[in-house]
Structure formats: structure tokens, C-alpha cells
Amino acid sequence: MKSFLSLNTQGFFNKFYYQIYFDKTKANYKLIKKERKKQLNQFRDWFSMIFVKTGFLNPKAAIFKYSNL
């Protein structure tokens, strides 16, 4: 079921989960893990950038934004 889901969904990380599920060699697993971590970091940076620009996760910006109301 796991592999079936991984094959049929066009998700963000599914490629890596599919590979881990099928080859359980350590070298491959490490490489995949590294790649997935890199993608997670990119996603996190992109996500936090959006929130900081809008002022949701940046308290100082939020205070400055709404102090004039």
C-alpha cells in the first residue's frame, strides 16, 4: 500500500520515500536522506521567507505594522 501511494501521488517527498522503501542499502539510504534534508531545508527557507515578509513570524515587523492602527 505504501509503495502504491508513493507511486501514484505527485507529492513533494514521495520520490525519496519510494526509493527508501525499495532499496534498503545503507549508502543509498544516506544519499536519499541527505537529498531529502536539502529539499526540506529549501522548503523551510522559502516558507519562512514568505512569513517574514508578510510579518506573521516576525514580531517586530508585526508590532510596527499594527502599532499605527
C-alpha atoms as a PDB file:
ATOM      1  CA  MET A   1       0.000   0.000   0.000  1.00  0.00           C
ATOM      2  CA  LYS A   2       2.813   2.365   0.901  1.00  0.00           C
ATOM      3  CA  SER A   3       4.588   1.911  -2.410  1.00  0.00           C
ATOM      4  CA  PHE A   4       1.299   2.153  -4.290  1.00  0.00           C
ATOM      5  CA  LEU A   5       0.561   5.503  -2.686  1.00  0.00           C
ATOM      6  CA  SER A   6       4.081   6.749  -3.311  1.00  0.00           C
ATOM      7  CA  LEU A   7       3.915   5.832  -6.971  1.00  0.00           C
ATOM      8  CA  ASN A   8       0.567   7.439  -7.625  1.00  0.00           C
ATOM      9  CA  THR A   9       0.778  10.707  -5.711  1.00  0.00           C
ATOM     10  CA  GLN A  10       2.693  13.653  -7.071  1.00  0.00           C
ATOM     11  CA  GLY A  11       3.817  14.743  -3.615  1.00  0.00           C
ATOM     12  CA  PHE A  12       6.820  16.753  -2.537  1.00  0.00           C
ATOM     13  CA  PHE A  13       8.861  13.945  -0.934  1.00  0.00           C
ATOM     14  CA  ASN A  14       7.344  10.799  -2.432  1.00  0.00           C
ATOM     15  CA  LYS A  15      10.230  10.064  -4.786  1.00  0.00           C
ATOM     16  CA  PHE A  16      12.581   9.634  -1.836  1.00  0.00           C
ATOM     17  CA  TYR A  17      10.199   7.549   0.252  1.00  0.00           C
ATOM     18  CA  TYR A  18       9.617   5.277  -2.731  1.00  0.00           C
ATOM     19  CA  GLN A  19      13.365   4.762  -3.134  1.00  0.00           C
ATOM     20  CA  ILE A  20      13.917   4.051   0.561  1.00  0.00           C
ATOM     21  CA  TYR A  21      11.051   1.587   0.559  1.00  0.00           C
ATOM     22  CA  PHE A  22      12.543  -0.433  -2.281  1.00  0.00           C
ATOM     23  CA  ASP A  23      16.319  -0.324  -1.762  1.00  0.00           C
ATOM     24  CA  LYS A  24      17.352  -0.616   1.825  1.00  0.00           C
ATOM     25  CA  THR A  25      21.100  -0.431   1.239  1.00  0.00           C
ATOM     26  CA  LYS A  26      22.803   1.949   3.637  1.00  0.00           C
ATOM     27  CA  ALA A  27      24.702   4.011   1.083  1.00  0.00           C
ATOM     28  CA  ASN A  28      21.586   4.666  -0.938  1.00  0.00           C
ATOM     29  CA  TYR A  29      19.606   5.470   2.179  1.00  0.00           C
ATOM     30  CA  LYS A  30      22.215   8.007   3.298  1.00  0.00           C
ATOM     31  CA  LEU A  31      22.277   9.691  -0.094  1.00  0.00           C
ATOM     32  CA  ILE A  32      18.499   9.883  -0.217  1.00  0.00           C
ATOM     33  CA  LYS A  33      18.332  11.146   3.347  1.00  0.00           C
ATOM     34  CA  LYS A  34      20.815  13.913   2.529  1.00  0.00           C
ATOM     35  CA  GLU A  35      18.879  14.912  -0.565  1.00  0.00           C
ATOM     36  CA  ARG A  36      15.595  14.948   1.312  1.00  0.00           C
ATOM     37  CA  LYS A  37      17.108  17.037   4.083  1.00  0.00           C
ATOM     38  CA  LYS A  38      18.332  19.533   1.495  1.00  0.00           C
ATOM     39  CA  GLN A  39      14.846  19.777   0.000  1.00  0.00           C
ATOM     40  CA  LEU A  40      13.279  20.170   3.427  1.00  0.00           C
ATOM     41  CA  ASN A  41      15.691  22.996   4.202  1.00  0.00           C
ATOM     42  CA  GLN A  42      14.910  24.717   0.906  1.00  0.00           C
ATOM     43  CA  PHE A  43      11.201  24.402   1.607  1.00  0.00           C
ATOM     44  CA  ARG A  44      11.640  25.719   5.148  1.00  0.00           C
ATOM     45  CA  ASP A  45      13.663  28.706   3.939  1.00  0.00           C
ATOM     46  CA  TRP A  46      11.093  29.534   1.286  1.00  0.00           C
ATOM     47  CA  PHE A  47       8.226  29.169   3.758  1.00  0.00           C
ATOM     48  CA  SER A  48       9.869  31.285   6.461  1.00  0.00           C
ATOM     49  CA  MET A  49      10.794  33.937   3.880  1.00  0.00           C
ATOM     50  CA  ILE A  50       7.135  34.309   2.914  1.00  0.00           C
ATOM     51  CA  PHE A  51       6.028  34.580   6.532  1.00  0.00           C
ATOM     52  CA  VAL A  52       8.766  37.028   7.489  1.00  0.00           C
ATOM     53  CA  LYS A  53       7.903  39.234   4.510  1.00  0.00           C
ATOM     54  CA  THR A  54       4.231  39.266   5.465  1.00  0.00           C
ATOM     55  CA  GLY A  55       5.172  39.882   9.115  1.00  0.00           C
ATOM     56  CA  PHE A  56       3.484  36.843  10.644  1.00  0.00           C
ATOM     57  CA  LEU A  57       6.584  35.249  12.149  1.00  0.00           C
ATOM     58  CA  ASN A  58       8.463  38.488  12.673  1.00  0.00           C
ATOM     59  CA  PRO A  59       7.146  40.046  15.906  1.00  0.00           C
ATOM     60  CA  LYS A  60       8.945  43.367  15.451  1.00  0.00           C
ATOM     61  CA  ALA A  61       7.511  43.816  11.975  1.00  0.00           C
ATOM     62  CA  ALA A  62       4.069  42.865  13.233  1.00  0.00           C
ATOM     63  CA  ILE A  63       4.259  45.346  16.125  1.00  0.00           C
ATOM     64  CA  PHE A  64       5.428  48.065  13.768  1.00  0.00           C
ATOM     65  CA  LYS A  65       2.687  47.172  11.306  1.00  0.00           C
ATOM     66  CA  TYR A  66      -0.193  47.300  13.757  1.00  0.00           C
ATOM     67  CA  SER A  67       1.040  49.971  16.154  1.00  0.00           C
ATOM     68  CA  ASN A  68      -0.346  52.687  13.859  1.00  0.00           C
ATOM     69  CA  LEU A  69      -3.932  51.423  13.976  1.00  0.00           C
END
